[in-house]
C-alpha atoms as a PDB file:
ATOM      1  CA  MET A   1      10.419  21.971  -0.095  1.00  0.00           C
ATOM      2  CA  THR A   2       8.886  22.854  -3.446  1.00  0.00           C
ATOM      3  CA  ASN A   3       5.344  21.934  -4.442  1.00  0.00           C
ATOM      4  CA  THR A   4       6.246  19.148  -6.869  1.00  0.00           C
ATOM      5  CA  LEU A   5       3.351  16.944  -5.744  1.00  0.00           C
ATOM      6  CA  ASN A   6      -0.126  18.416  -5.471  1.00  0.00           C
ATOM      7  CA  VAL A   7      -2.735  16.429  -3.542  1.00  0.00           C
ATOM      8  CA  SER A   8      -6.390  17.452  -3.596  1.00  0.00           C
ATOM      9  CA  THR A   9      -9.533  15.710  -2.412  1.00  0.00           C
ATOM     10  CA  GLU A  10     -13.165  16.043  -3.424  1.00  0.00           C
ATOM     11  CA  SER A  11     -16.136  13.727  -2.870  1.00  0.00           C
ATOM     12  CA  ASN A  12     -14.019  10.826  -1.564  1.00  0.00           C
ATOM     13  CA  VAL A  13     -11.616  11.101  -4.515  1.00  0.00           C
ATOM     14  CA  ALA A  14      -7.967  12.048  -4.030  1.00  0.00           C
ATOM     15  CA  THR A  15      -5.982  13.398  -6.965  1.00  0.00           C
ATOM     16  CA  VAL A  16      -2.191  13.228  -6.898  1.00  0.00           C
ATOM     17  CA  GLU A  17      -0.705  15.553  -9.486  1.00  0.00           C
ATOM     18  CA  LEU A  18       2.944  15.318 -10.510  1.00  0.00           C
ATOM     19  CA  ASN A  19       3.844  18.982 -10.728  1.00  0.00           C
ATOM     20  CA  ARG A  20       6.925  19.753 -12.818  1.00  0.00           C
ATOM     21  CA  PRO A  21       5.260  20.712 -16.113  1.00  0.00           C
ATOM     22  CA  ASP A  22       8.305  22.571 -17.450  1.00  0.00           C
ATOM     23  CA  ALA A  23      10.299  19.341 -17.054  1.00  0.00           C
ATOM     24  CA  TYR A  24       7.579  17.055 -18.445  1.00  0.00           C
ATOM     25  CA  ASN A  25       6.759  16.063 -14.854  1.00  0.00           C
ATOM     26  CA  THR A  26       9.925  14.008 -14.576  1.00  0.00           C
ATOM     27  CA  LEU A  27      10.463  12.574 -11.123  1.00  0.00           C
ATOM     28  CA  SER A  28      12.902  14.627  -9.074  1.00  0.00           C
ATOM     29  CA  LEU A  29      14.593  13.222  -5.977  1.00  0.00           C
ATOM     30  CA  GLU A  30      12.050  15.060  -3.842  1.00  0.00           C
ATOM     31  CA  MET A  31       9.150  13.548  -5.780  1.00  0.00           C
ATOM     32  CA  LEU A  32      10.683  10.075  -5.623  1.00  0.00           C
ATOM     33  CA  ASP A  33      10.985  10.361  -1.838  1.00  0.00           C
ATOM     34  CA  ARG A  34       7.505  11.811  -1.279  1.00  0.00           C
ATOM     35  CA  LEU A  35       5.362   9.802  -3.694  1.00  0.00           C
ATOM     36  CA  PRO A  36       5.372   6.470  -1.788  1.00  0.00           C
ATOM     37  CA  ILE A  37       4.595   8.315   1.458  1.00  0.00           C
ATOM     38  CA  VAL A  38       1.715  10.273  -0.079  1.00  0.00           C
ATOM     39  CA  LEU A  39       0.238   7.157  -1.702  1.00  0.00           C
ATOM     40  CA  SER A  40       0.610   5.126   1.487  1.00  0.00           C
ATOM     41  CA  ASP A  41      -1.264   7.778   3.461  1.00  0.00           C
ATOM     42  CA  LEU A  42      -4.089   7.799   0.910  1.00  0.00           C
ATOM     43  CA  ALA A  43      -4.229   4.001   0.902  1.00  0.00           C
ATOM     44  CA  GLN A  44      -4.889   4.051   4.657  1.00  0.00           C
ATOM     45  CA  ASP A  45      -7.410   6.902   4.603  1.00  0.00           C
ATOM     46  CA  ASP A  46     -10.910   5.428   4.771  1.00  0.00           C
ATOM     47  CA  ASN A  47     -12.398   8.733   3.618  1.00  0.00           C
ATOM     48  CA  ILE A  48     -10.729   8.207   0.228  1.00  0.00           C
ATOM     49  CA  ARG A  49     -12.393   5.680  -2.058  1.00  0.00           C
ATOM     50  CA  CYS A  50     -10.523   6.344  -5.295  1.00  0.00           C
ATOM     51  CA  VAL A  51      -7.063   7.721  -6.083  1.00  0.00           C
ATOM     52  CA  VAL A  52      -6.297   9.509  -9.356  1.00  0.00           C
ATOM     53  CA  LEU A  53      -2.703   9.942 -10.538  1.00  0.00           C
ATOM     54  CA  THR A  54      -2.022  12.569 -13.199  1.00  0.00           C
ATOM     55  CA  GLY A  55       0.492  15.142 -14.400  1.00  0.00           C
ATOM     56  CA  SER A  56       0.204  18.913 -14.505  1.00  0.00           C
ATOM     57  CA  GLY A  57       0.102  20.877 -17.729  1.00  0.00           C
ATOM     58  CA  ASP A  58      -0.877  19.719 -21.197  1.00  0.00           C
ATOM     59  CA  LYS A  59       2.242  17.903 -22.376  1.00  0.00           C
ATOM     60  CA  ALA A  60       3.097  15.146 -19.955  1.00  0.00           C
ATOM     61  CA  PHE A  61       1.800  12.639 -17.477  1.00  0.00           C
ATOM     62  CA  CYS A  62       5.380  11.807 -16.481  1.00  0.00           C
ATOM     63  CA  ALA A  63       8.398  11.440 -18.761  1.00  0.00           C
ATOM     64  CA  GLY A  64      10.284   9.245 -16.280  1.00  0.00           C
ATOM     65  CA  GLY A  65      12.939   9.911 -13.722  1.00  0.00           C
ATOM     66  CA  ASP A  66      15.039  13.071 -13.704  1.00  0.00           C
ATOM     67  CA  ILE A  67      18.357  11.408 -14.487  1.00  0.00           C
ATOM     68  CA  SER A  68      20.261  14.635 -13.899  1.00  0.00           C
ATOM     69  CA  GLY A  69      19.230  14.502 -10.253  1.00  0.00           C
ATOM     70  CA  LEU A  70      20.754  11.072  -9.836  1.00  0.00           C
ATOM     71  CA  SER A  71      24.292  12.102 -10.765  1.00  0.00           C
ATOM     72  CA  GLY A  72      26.877  13.812  -8.654  1.00  0.00           C
ATOM     73  CA  ASP A  73      26.773  14.763  -4.978  1.00  0.00           C
ATOM     74  CA  GLY A  74      27.047  11.117  -4.002  1.00  0.00           C
ATOM     75  CA  ALA A  75      23.610  10.214  -5.343  1.00  0.00           C
ATOM     76  CA  ILE A  76      25.244   7.469  -7.374  1.00  0.00           C
ATOM     77  CA  GLY A  77      27.924   5.846  -5.309  1.00  0.00           C
ATOM     78  CA  ASN A  78      27.558   2.581  -3.483  1.00  0.00           C
ATOM     79  CA  SER A  79      25.629   0.334  -5.895  1.00  0.00           C
ATOM     80  CA  ALA A  80      24.008  -1.803  -3.189  1.00  0.00           C
ATOM     81  CA  LYS A  81      22.798   1.269  -1.328  1.00  0.00           C
ATOM     82  CA  LEU A  82      21.452   2.841  -4.510  1.00  0.00           C
ATOM     83  CA  SER A  83      19.660  -0.382  -5.434  1.00  0.00           C
ATOM     84  CA  GLN A  84      17.875  -0.279  -2.084  1.00  0.00           C
ATOM     85  CA  GLN A  85      16.967   3.354  -2.693  1.00  0.00           C
ATOM     86  CA  VAL A  86      15.523   2.648  -6.157  1.00  0.00           C
ATOM     87  CA  GLU A  87      13.493  -0.202  -4.703  1.00  0.00           C
ATOM     88  CA  ALA A  88      12.174   2.106  -1.974  1.00  0.00           C
ATOM     89  CA  TRP A  89      11.147   4.714  -4.542  1.00  0.00           C
ATOM     90  CA  ALA A  90       9.455   2.035  -6.645  1.00  0.00           C
ATOM     91  CA  GLN A  91       7.206   1.097  -3.726  1.00  0.00           C
ATOM     92  CA  ALA A  92       4.925   3.738  -5.248  1.00  0.00           C
ATOM     93  CA  SER A  93       4.008   1.214  -7.950  1.00  0.00           C
ATOM     94  CA  LEU A  94       3.350  -1.533  -5.410  1.00  0.00           C
ATOM     95  CA  ILE A  95       1.124   0.752  -3.351  1.00  0.00           C
ATOM     96  CA  LEU A  96      -0.878   1.809  -6.412  1.00  0.00           C
ATOM     97  CA  HIS A  97      -1.350  -1.839  -7.338  1.00  0.00           C
ATOM     98  CA  GLU A  98      -2.226  -3.169  -3.889  1.00  0.00           C
ATOM     99  CA  MET A  99      -4.050  -0.350  -2.087  1.00  0.00           C
ATOM    100  CA  PRO A 100      -7.581  -1.477  -1.139  1.00  0.00           C
ATOM    101  CA  LYS A 101      -9.324   1.010  -3.411  1.00  0.00           C
ATOM    102  CA  PRO A 102      -9.245   1.705  -7.172  1.00  0.00           C
ATOM    103  CA  THR A 103      -6.434   3.734  -8.694  1.00  0.00           C
ATOM    104  CA  LEU A 104      -6.949   5.623 -11.950  1.00  0.00           C
ATOM    105  CA  ALA A 105      -4.205   7.113 -14.122  1.00  0.00           C
ATOM    106  CA  SER A 106      -5.320  10.162 -16.091  1.00  0.00           C
ATOM    107  CA  ILE A 107      -2.734  10.386 -18.846  1.00  0.00           C
ATOM    108  CA  ASN A 108      -2.634  13.840 -20.375  1.00  0.00           C
ATOM    109  CA  GLY A 109       0.538  13.512 -22.465  1.00  0.00           C
ATOM    110  CA  VAL A 110       3.733  11.500 -22.641  1.00  0.00           C
ATOM    111  CA  ALA A 111       4.127   8.596 -20.213  1.00  0.00           C
ATOM    112  CA  ALA A 112       7.669   7.279 -20.530  1.00  0.00           C
ATOM    113  CA  GLY A 113      10.090   5.195 -18.500  1.00  0.00           C
ATOM    114  CA  ALA A 114       9.131   5.193 -14.819  1.00  0.00           C
ATOM    115  CA  GLY A 115       6.177   7.412 -15.754  1.00  0.00           C
ATOM    116  CA  MET A 116       4.796   4.702 -18.015  1.00  0.00           C
ATOM    117  CA  SER A 117       5.401   2.140 -15.271  1.00  0.00           C
ATOM    118  CA  LEU A 118       3.452   4.224 -12.746  1.00  0.00           C
ATOM    119  CA  ALA A 119       0.553   4.549 -15.172  1.00  0.00           C
ATOM    120  CA  LEU A 120       0.520   0.787 -15.724  1.00  0.00           C
ATOM    121  CA  ALA A 121       0.612   0.187 -11.959  1.00  0.00           C
ATOM    122  CA  CYS A 122      -2.796   1.843 -11.636  1.00  0.00           C
ATOM    123  CA  ASP A 123      -5.901  -0.328 -11.877  1.00  0.00           C
ATOM    124  CA  LEU A 124      -7.365   1.663 -14.755  1.00  0.00           C
ATOM    125  CA  ARG A 125      -6.118   4.222 -17.274  1.00  0.00           C
ATOM    126  CA  ILE A 126      -7.873   6.973 -19.211  1.00  0.00           C
ATOM    127  CA  ALA A 127      -5.794   8.855 -21.747  1.00  0.00           C
ATOM    128  CA  SER A 128      -6.021  11.941 -23.869  1.00  0.00           C
ATOM    129  CA  GLY A 129      -5.898  11.465 -27.604  1.00  0.00           C
ATOM    130  CA  ASN A 130      -2.627  13.404 -27.414  1.00  0.00           C
ATOM    131  CA  ALA A 131      -1.038  10.923 -25.019  1.00  0.00           C
ATOM    132  CA  TYR A 132       1.691   8.510 -25.982  1.00  0.00           C
ATOM    133  CA  PHE A 133       3.760   5.859 -24.277  1.00  0.00           C
ATOM    134  CA  LYS A 134       7.406   4.838 -24.478  1.00  0.00           C
ATOM    135  CA  THR A 135       9.307   2.375 -22.309  1.00  0.00           C
ATOM    136  CA  ALA A 136      12.394   4.556 -22.954  1.00  0.00           C
ATOM    137  CA  PHE A 137      14.858   2.541 -20.873  1.00  0.00           C
ATOM    138  CA  ALA A 138      16.667   1.046 -23.868  1.00  0.00           C
ATOM    139  CA  ASN A 139      17.316   4.547 -25.195  1.00  0.00           C
ATOM    140  CA  MET A 140      19.482   5.162 -22.119  1.00  0.00           C
ATOM    141  CA  ALA A 141      20.912   1.623 -21.963  1.00  0.00           C
ATOM    142  CA  MET A 142      19.033   1.018 -18.694  1.00  0.00           C
ATOM    143  CA  SER A 143      17.050  -2.088 -17.807  1.00  0.00           C
ATOM    144  CA  GLY A 144      13.862  -0.602 -16.313  1.00  0.00           C
ATOM    145  CA  ASP A 145      12.212  -0.110 -12.936  1.00  0.00           C
ATOM    146  CA  PHE A 146       8.967   0.736 -11.120  1.00  0.00           C
ATOM    147  CA  GLY A 147       7.445  -2.632 -12.063  1.00  0.00           C
ATOM    148  CA  GLY A 148       6.999  -1.832 -15.732  1.00  0.00           C
ATOM    149  CA  SER A 149       8.254  -5.241 -16.840  1.00  0.00           C
ATOM    150  CA  TYR A 150       5.669  -6.934 -14.595  1.00  0.00           C
ATOM    151  CA  PHE A 151       2.680  -4.785 -15.532  1.00  0.00           C
ATOM    152  CA  LEU A 152       3.472  -4.655 -19.235  1.00  0.00           C
ATOM    153  CA  THR A 153       3.842  -8.437 -19.403  1.00  0.00           C
ATOM    154  CA  GLN A 154       0.471  -8.845 -17.681  1.00  0.00           C
ATOM    155  CA  LEU A 155      -1.258  -6.383 -20.000  1.00  0.00           C
ATOM    156  CA  VAL A 156       0.161  -7.235 -23.428  1.00  0.00           C
ATOM    157  CA  GLY A 157       1.839 -10.637 -22.990  1.00  0.00           C
ATOM    158  CA  PRO A 158       5.516 -11.602 -22.766  1.00  0.00           C
ATOM    159  CA  SER A 159       6.407 -11.341 -26.449  1.00  0.00           C
ATOM    160  CA  LYS A 160       4.933  -7.866 -26.960  1.00  0.00           C
ATOM    161  CA  ALA A 161       6.382  -6.674 -23.669  1.00  0.00           C
ATOM    162  CA  ARG A 162       9.844  -7.702 -24.834  1.00  0.00           C
ATOM    163  CA  GLU A 163       9.343  -5.911 -28.121  1.00  0.00           C
ATOM    164  CA  LEU A 164       8.294  -2.703 -26.379  1.00  0.00           C
ATOM    165  CA  TYR A 165      11.200  -2.858 -23.924  1.00  0.00           C
ATOM    166  CA  PHE A 166      13.878  -3.863 -26.421  1.00  0.00           C
ATOM    167  CA  LEU A 167      12.928  -1.458 -29.223  1.00  0.00           C
ATOM    168  CA  SER A 168      11.418   1.348 -27.130  1.00  0.00           C
ATOM    169  CA  GLU A 169       9.120   2.510 -29.904  1.00  0.00           C
ATOM    170  CA  ARG A 170       6.597   5.276 -29.385  1.00  0.00           C
ATOM    171  CA  ILE A 171       3.014   4.053 -28.857  1.00  0.00           C
ATOM    172  CA  ASP A 172       0.351   6.589 -29.745  1.00  0.00           C
ATOM    173  CA  ALA A 173      -3.005   6.779 -27.985  1.00  0.00           C
ATOM    174  CA  ASP A 174      -4.938   4.711 -30.530  1.00  0.00           C
ATOM    175  CA  ASN A 175      -2.387   1.897 -30.465  1.00  0.00           C
ATOM    176  CA  ALA A 176      -2.245   2.047 -26.686  1.00  0.00           C
ATOM    177  CA  LEU A 177      -5.994   1.459 -26.596  1.00  0.00           C
ATOM    178  CA  ALA A 178      -5.754  -1.369 -29.134  1.00  0.00           C
ATOM    179  CA  MET A 179      -3.132  -3.222 -27.097  1.00  0.00           C
ATOM    180  CA  ASN A 180      -4.938  -2.698 -23.761  1.00  0.00           C
ATOM    181  CA  LEU A 181      -2.437  -0.251 -22.300  1.00  0.00           C
ATOM    182  CA  VAL A 182      -5.357   2.099 -21.613  1.00  0.00           C
ATOM    183  CA  ASN A 183      -9.022   1.454 -20.921  1.00  0.00           C
ATOM    184  CA  TRP A 184     -10.466   4.608 -22.449  1.00  0.00           C
ATOM    185  CA  LEU A 185      -9.498   7.526 -24.674  1.00  0.00           C
ATOM    186  CA  ALA A 186     -10.926  11.014 -24.350  1.00  0.00           C
ATOM    187  CA  PRO A 187     -10.537  14.176 -26.426  1.00  0.00           C
ATOM    188  CA  HIS A 188      -7.727  16.187 -24.867  1.00  0.00           C
ATOM    189  CA  ASP A 189      -9.986  19.027 -23.714  1.00  0.00           C
ATOM    190  CA  GLU A 190     -12.424  16.552 -22.132  1.00  0.00           C
ATOM    191  CA  LEU A 191      -9.899  14.410 -20.248  1.00  0.00           C
ATOM    192  CA  LYS A 192     -10.305  16.118 -16.870  1.00  0.00           C
ATOM    193  CA  THR A 193     -14.100  15.982 -17.030  1.00  0.00           C
ATOM    194  CA  ARG A 194     -14.106  12.329 -18.052  1.00  0.00           C
ATOM    195  CA  THR A 195     -11.584  11.523 -15.325  1.00  0.00           C
ATOM    196  CA  VAL A 196     -13.751  13.153 -12.642  1.00  0.00           C
ATOM    197  CA  GLN A 197     -16.819  11.286 -13.876  1.00  0.00           C
ATOM    198  CA  MET A 198     -15.067   7.921 -13.773  1.00  0.00           C
ATOM    199  CA  ALA A 199     -13.402   8.587 -10.410  1.00  0.00           C
ATOM    200  CA  GLN A 200     -16.731   9.564  -8.834  1.00  0.00           C
ATOM    201  CA  ARG A 201     -18.328   6.424 -10.213  1.00  0.00           C
ATOM    202  CA  LEU A 202     -15.561   4.315  -8.682  1.00  0.00           C
ATOM    203  CA  ALA A 203     -15.731   6.183  -5.372  1.00  0.00           C
ATOM    204  CA  ALA A 204     -19.399   5.244  -4.972  1.00  0.00           C
ATOM    205  CA  MET A 205     -18.483   1.631  -4.150  1.00  0.00           C
ATOM    206  CA  PRO A 206     -17.966   0.557  -0.513  1.00  0.00           C
ATOM    207  CA  LEU A 207     -14.321   0.248   0.538  1.00  0.00           C
ATOM    208  CA  LEU A 208     -14.907  -3.281   1.825  1.00  0.00           C
ATOM    209  CA  THR A 209     -16.014  -4.320  -1.653  1.00  0.00           C
ATOM    210  CA  TRP A 210     -12.964  -2.756  -3.284  1.00  0.00           C
ATOM    211  CA  ARG A 211     -10.575  -4.365  -0.816  1.00  0.00           C
ATOM    212  CA  ASN A 212     -11.901  -7.846  -1.477  1.00  0.00           C
ATOM    213  CA  MET A 213     -12.359  -7.380  -5.211  1.00  0.00           C
ATOM    214  CA  LYS A 214      -8.804  -6.101  -5.721  1.00  0.00           C
ATOM    215  CA  GLN A 215      -7.436  -8.883  -3.552  1.00  0.00           C
ATOM    216  CA  ASN A 216      -9.229 -11.470  -5.707  1.00  0.00           C
ATOM    217  CA  LEU A 217      -7.913  -9.963  -8.919  1.00  0.00           C
ATOM    218  CA  ASN A 218      -4.352  -9.614  -7.653  1.00  0.00           C
ATOM    219  CA  ILE A 219      -4.281 -13.200  -6.392  1.00  0.00           C
ATOM    220  CA  ALA A 220      -5.553 -14.339  -9.793  1.00  0.00           C
ATOM    221  CA  LEU A 221      -2.360 -12.972 -11.371  1.00  0.00           C
ATOM    222  CA  THR A 222      -0.103 -15.445  -9.609  1.00  0.00           C
ATOM    223  CA  GLN A 223      -2.084 -18.243  -7.927  1.00  0.00           C
ATOM    224  CA  ASP A 224      -4.168 -21.212  -9.026  1.00  0.00           C
ATOM    225  CA  LEU A 225      -7.934 -21.466  -9.346  1.00  0.00           C
ATOM    226  CA  ALA A 226      -8.384 -23.208  -6.007  1.00  0.00           C
ATOM    227  CA  SER A 227      -6.665 -20.319  -4.222  1.00  0.00           C
ATOM    228  CA  VAL A 228      -8.822 -17.791  -6.044  1.00  0.00           C
ATOM    229  CA  LEU A 229     -12.020 -19.682  -5.238  1.00  0.00           C
ATOM    230  CA  HIS A 230     -11.048 -19.798  -1.574  1.00  0.00           C
ATOM    231  CA  GLN A 231     -10.344 -16.070  -1.412  1.00  0.00           C
ATOM    232  CA  GLU A 232     -13.509 -15.235  -3.353  1.00  0.00           C
ATOM    233  CA  ALA A 233     -15.609 -17.197  -0.865  1.00  0.00           C
ATOM    234  CA  ILE A 234     -14.092 -15.333   2.075  1.00  0.00           C
ATOM    235  CA  GLY A 235     -14.674 -11.985   0.382  1.00  0.00           C
ATOM    236  CA  MET A 236     -18.249 -12.752  -0.609  1.00  0.00           C
ATOM    237  CA  ILE A 237     -19.241 -13.585   2.955  1.00  0.00           C
ATOM    238  CA  GLU A 238     -17.444 -10.569   4.378  1.00  0.00           C
ATOM    239  CA  THR A 239     -19.072  -8.160   1.935  1.00  0.00           C
ATOM    240  CA  ALA A 240     -22.511  -9.772   2.116  1.00  0.00           C
ATOM    241  CA  MET A 241     -22.593  -9.241   5.876  1.00  0.00           C
ATOM    242  CA  SER A 242     -21.826  -5.523   5.719  1.00  0.00           C
ATOM    243  CA  GLU A 243     -24.588  -2.950   6.064  1.00  0.00           C
ATOM    244  CA  GLU A 244     -23.226  -0.839   3.206  1.00  0.00           C
ATOM    245  CA  THR A 245     -23.324  -3.786   0.816  1.00  0.00           C
ATOM    246  CA  ARG A 246     -26.846  -4.695   1.876  1.00  0.00           C
ATOM    247  CA  ALA A 247     -27.969  -1.138   1.205  1.00  0.00           C
ATOM    248  CA  ALA A 248     -26.344  -1.226  -2.234  1.00  0.00           C
ATOM    249  CA  ALA A 249     -28.080  -4.519  -3.018  1.00  0.00           C
ATOM    250  CA  MET A 250     -31.441  -3.082  -1.982  1.00  0.00           C
ATOM    251  CA  ARG A 251     -30.922  -0.101  -4.268  1.00  0.00           C
ATOM    252  CA  PHE A 252     -30.020  -2.435  -7.134  1.00  0.00           C
ATOM    253  CA  PHE A 253     -33.051  -4.658  -6.750  1.00  0.00           C
ATOM    254  CA  SER A 254     -35.396  -1.696  -6.333  1.00  0.00           C
ATOM    255  CA  LYS A 255     -34.262  -0.438  -9.745  1.00  0.00           C
ATOM    256  CA  GLU A 256     -34.815  -3.892 -11.249  1.00  0.00           C
ATOM    257  CA  GLU A 257     -38.498  -3.860 -10.303  1.00  0.00           C
END
């Protein structure tokens, strides 16, 4: 097995690096199989309080799936079986979205197709000024996967999402920031430093707080106000009773004085 996914941890932050820089970090079959497993393990690891997803090299976050790896040798055969396989691979997006801790995409170059979808599946995104986005599926007469249609609709609205999917135009870093595809831009040579700073800031929060906060926000995407209020009340009591939250509150109020 080649080292196409690098995982490193430091100060409660795990960084998952897509590692095929010569191929713009496109997702090989090996990467597609491993990524949901790696993310699931990190989601369940209480020593990890923030997960960063990035690409190796200076050119790409991830330029999508390696289509060449999906042809021949029976990889494309039974359509129902392949559909199940694509859905299994795409669990990576669901895990990034639902894991009970913040996920941060550090976008160092092109994010296209499934790569763009993975970036959008993260809670937050910081991008280099050299980064750009492209839905890309229409260029190959494909319909899209990895939840991109869901996340893009949530971020930019249904009309703009349709435009970006149908026309597949390139979105540079400044426009990505303007349309809320990314939260922050950083000079290319400062991206790693800024990513570490943000990840460490996120990792300082108690896991119990993150679990409840993300649950509230995810429920708010699909349910009514009454459901959100109910879940918020449960989360507030649960967090308020924890020792870690009480300590954080004491530190906050001591600074206020």
